[in-house]
Amino acid sequence: MITIEELQRVFTYKAKAKDITLEDPDGALSPETVLNFYTATYPELITASIEGPEIKGDALHYRFVSTIGTKG
């Protein structure tokens, strides 16, 4: 028998040299909408990009990467 399980989404953001795990506010939202949701709490995410998803165990991991303060 085949069992289908929905993977949990995990969002992380690196702030001041430590990773912060952000709760998924609603599984129906796109990762871009989740990013916009968190800009009120973390204004530096306004210019962030999204990396992922990467499957780790039973979860999809997305990483918000801020472009503020980086030189290229």
N, C-alpha and C. Protein backbone atom coordinates (compact mmCIF):
# COMPACT_ATOMS: atom_id res chain seq x y z
N MET A 1 0.83 -1.17 0.00
CA MET A 1 0.00 0.00 0.00
C MET A 1 0.89 1.25 0.00
N ILE A 2 0.52 2.22 -0.78
CA ILE A 2 1.27 3.48 -0.86
C ILE A 2 0.61 4.50 0.07
N THR A 3 1.45 5.14 0.86
CA THR A 3 0.97 6.19 1.76
C THR A 3 1.53 7.52 1.30
N ILE A 4 0.66 8.49 1.18
CA ILE A 4 1.08 9.83 0.76
C ILE A 4 1.04 10.74 1.98
N GLU A 5 2.16 11.38 2.26
CA GLU A 5 2.24 12.31 3.38
C GLU A 5 2.66 13.67 2.88
N GLU A 6 2.03 14.69 3.41
CA GLU A 6 2.40 16.06 3.04
C GLU A 6 3.63 16.46 3.85
N LEU A 7 4.61 17.03 3.16
CA LEU A 7 5.82 17.47 3.84
C LEU A 7 5.59 18.80 4.55
N GLN A 8 6.08 18.90 5.75
CA GLN A 8 6.02 20.15 6.51
C GLN A 8 6.98 21.14 5.88
N ARG A 9 6.64 22.41 5.89
CA ARG A 9 7.54 23.44 5.38
C ARG A 9 8.23 24.12 6.55
N VAL A 10 9.53 24.34 6.39
CA VAL A 10 10.33 25.02 7.40
C VAL A 10 11.01 26.20 6.72
N PHE A 11 10.86 27.38 7.32
CA PHE A 11 11.47 28.60 6.80
C PHE A 11 12.54 29.06 7.78
N THR A 12 13.72 29.39 7.26
CA THR A 12 14.77 29.89 8.13
C THR A 12 15.32 31.19 7.56
N TYR A 13 15.88 31.97 8.47
CA TYR A 13 16.47 33.25 8.12
C TYR A 13 17.67 33.47 9.02
N LYS A 14 18.78 33.88 8.45
CA LYS A 14 19.99 34.13 9.24
C LYS A 14 20.01 35.60 9.66
N ALA A 15 19.95 35.82 10.97
CA ALA A 15 19.96 37.18 11.50
C ALA A 15 21.04 37.28 12.56
N LYS A 16 21.94 38.23 12.37
CA LYS A 16 23.02 38.47 13.33
C LYS A 16 23.76 37.18 13.67
N ALA A 17 24.18 36.47 12.66
CA ALA A 17 25.03 35.27 12.77
C ALA A 17 24.33 34.08 13.41
N LYS A 18 23.01 34.09 13.52
CA LYS A 18 22.33 32.89 14.01
C LYS A 18 21.10 32.63 13.16
N ASP A 19 20.78 31.35 12.99
CA ASP A 19 19.62 30.98 12.20
C ASP A 19 18.35 31.09 13.04
N ILE A 20 17.33 31.68 12.45
CA ILE A 20 16.02 31.79 13.10
C ILE A 20 15.06 30.94 12.28
N THR A 21 14.32 30.07 12.95
CA THR A 21 13.29 29.28 12.29
C THR A 21 11.98 30.02 12.41
N LEU A 22 11.35 30.23 11.27
CA LEU A 22 10.08 30.95 11.22
C LEU A 22 8.95 29.96 10.98
N GLU A 23 7.90 30.08 11.75
CA GLU A 23 6.76 29.19 11.63
C GLU A 23 6.03 29.42 10.31
N ASP A 24 5.53 28.36 9.73
CA ASP A 24 4.74 28.46 8.50
C ASP A 24 3.35 28.97 8.89
N PRO A 25 2.98 30.20 8.50
CA PRO A 25 1.70 30.77 8.93
C PRO A 25 0.49 30.07 8.32
N ASP A 26 0.66 29.50 7.13
CA ASP A 26 -0.45 28.83 6.45
C ASP A 26 0.11 28.02 5.30
N GLY A 27 -0.09 26.72 5.32
CA GLY A 27 0.44 25.84 4.29
C GLY A 27 -0.07 26.14 2.89
N ALA A 28 -1.16 26.89 2.80
CA ALA A 28 -1.73 27.22 1.49
C ALA A 28 -1.04 28.42 0.85
N LEU A 29 -0.23 29.15 1.62
CA LEU A 29 0.45 30.33 1.09
C LEU A 29 1.70 29.94 0.32
N SER A 30 2.01 30.70 -0.71
CA SER A 30 3.25 30.46 -1.46
C SER A 30 4.44 30.91 -0.60
N PRO A 31 5.63 30.39 -0.87
CA PRO A 31 6.82 30.85 -0.13
C PRO A 31 7.02 32.36 -0.25
N GLU A 32 6.69 32.95 -1.40
CA GLU A 32 6.82 34.40 -1.58
C GLU A 32 5.86 35.15 -0.65
N THR A 33 4.66 34.64 -0.48
CA THR A 33 3.68 35.26 0.41
C THR A 33 4.12 35.13 1.87
N VAL A 34 4.72 34.00 2.23
CA VAL A 34 5.25 33.82 3.58
C VAL A 34 6.38 34.83 3.83
N LEU A 35 7.24 35.00 2.85
CA LEU A 35 8.31 36.00 2.96
C LEU A 35 7.72 37.39 3.20
N ASN A 36 6.73 37.77 2.42
CA ASN A 36 6.08 39.08 2.59
C ASN A 36 5.41 39.20 3.96
N PHE A 37 4.84 38.11 4.45
CA PHE A 37 4.21 38.09 5.76
C PHE A 37 5.21 38.46 6.86
N TYR A 38 6.44 37.96 6.76
CA TYR A 38 7.44 38.19 7.79
C TYR A 38 8.20 39.51 7.65
N THR A 39 7.97 40.27 6.59
CA THR A 39 8.67 41.55 6.45
C THR A 39 8.23 42.57 7.50
N ALA A 40 7.04 42.41 8.06
CA ALA A 40 6.60 43.32 9.12
C ALA A 40 7.43 43.13 10.38
N THR A 41 7.84 41.90 10.65
CA THR A 41 8.65 41.59 11.83
C THR A 41 10.13 41.76 11.56
N TYR A 42 10.55 41.40 10.36
CA TYR A 42 11.96 41.46 9.96
C TYR A 42 12.07 42.32 8.70
N PRO A 43 12.15 43.65 8.85
CA PRO A 43 12.17 44.54 7.67
C PRO A 43 13.30 44.26 6.69
N GLU A 44 14.40 43.68 7.16
CA GLU A 44 15.51 43.36 6.27
C GLU A 44 15.14 42.31 5.23
N LEU A 45 14.02 41.62 5.43
CA LEU A 45 13.57 40.62 4.46
C LEU A 45 12.94 41.23 3.21
N ILE A 46 12.71 42.54 3.23
CA ILE A 46 12.09 43.20 2.08
C ILE A 46 12.88 42.94 0.80
N THR A 47 14.20 42.89 0.91
CA THR A 47 15.03 42.65 -0.28
C THR A 47 15.56 41.22 -0.35
N ALA A 48 15.01 40.33 0.47
CA ALA A 48 15.52 38.95 0.53
C ALA A 48 15.06 38.13 -0.67
N SER A 49 15.84 37.11 -0.94
CA SER A 49 15.46 36.13 -1.95
C SER A 49 15.17 34.81 -1.23
N ILE A 50 14.59 33.87 -1.96
CA ILE A 50 14.22 32.58 -1.38
C ILE A 50 15.08 31.50 -2.01
N GLU A 51 15.71 30.70 -1.18
CA GLU A 51 16.46 29.53 -1.65
C GLU A 51 15.68 28.29 -1.24
N GLY A 52 15.64 27.32 -2.13
CA GLY A 52 14.98 26.06 -1.80
C GLY A 52 13.75 25.88 -2.65
N PRO A 53 13.03 24.83 -2.38
CA PRO A 53 13.11 24.01 -1.19
C PRO A 53 14.15 22.91 -1.29
N GLU A 54 14.64 22.53 -0.14
CA GLU A 54 15.56 21.40 -0.01
C GLU A 54 14.87 20.40 0.93
N ILE A 55 14.79 19.16 0.51
CA ILE A 55 14.15 18.15 1.34
C ILE A 55 15.16 17.63 2.35
N LYS A 56 14.79 17.76 3.64
CA LYS A 56 15.59 17.23 4.74
C LYS A 56 14.65 16.45 5.63
N GLY A 57 14.84 15.15 5.66
CA GLY A 57 13.94 14.31 6.44
C GLY A 57 12.53 14.36 5.88
N ASP A 58 11.59 14.76 6.71
CA ASP A 58 10.19 14.84 6.27
C ASP A 58 9.72 16.29 6.14
N ALA A 59 10.65 17.19 5.78
CA ALA A 59 10.30 18.60 5.67
C ALA A 59 10.94 19.24 4.44
N LEU A 60 10.26 20.25 3.92
CA LEU A 60 10.80 21.10 2.85
C LEU A 60 11.39 22.33 3.51
N HIS A 61 12.67 22.57 3.31
CA HIS A 61 13.35 23.69 3.95
C HIS A 61 13.55 24.82 2.94
N TYR A 62 13.05 26.00 3.29
CA TYR A 62 13.24 27.22 2.52
C TYR A 62 14.11 28.14 3.34
N ARG A 63 14.98 28.88 2.68
CA ARG A 63 15.86 29.83 3.37
C ARG A 63 15.66 31.21 2.77
N PHE A 64 15.39 32.19 3.64
CA PHE A 64 15.29 33.58 3.22
C PHE A 64 16.68 34.19 3.35
N VAL A 65 17.20 34.71 2.25
CA VAL A 65 18.55 35.25 2.22
C VAL A 65 18.47 36.74 1.94
N SER A 66 18.88 37.53 2.91
CA SER A 66 18.84 38.99 2.77
C SER A 66 20.01 39.43 1.90
N THR A 67 19.75 40.38 1.03
CA THR A 67 20.80 40.91 0.17
C THR A 67 21.34 42.23 0.71
N ILE A 68 20.78 42.73 1.80
CA ILE A 68 21.26 43.97 2.40
C ILE A 68 22.62 43.71 3.05
N GLY A 69 23.56 44.57 2.76
CA GLY A 69 24.87 44.48 3.39
C GLY A 69 25.84 43.53 2.72
N THR A 70 25.45 42.95 1.58
CA THR A 70 26.37 42.08 0.88
C THR A 70 26.95 42.83 -0.31
N LYS A 71 28.18 42.55 -0.60
CA LYS A 71 28.83 43.18 -1.75
C LYS A 71 28.99 42.14 -2.84
N GLY A 72 28.86 42.55 -4.06
CA GLY A 72 28.91 41.55 -5.08
C GLY A 72 29.74 41.89 -6.20
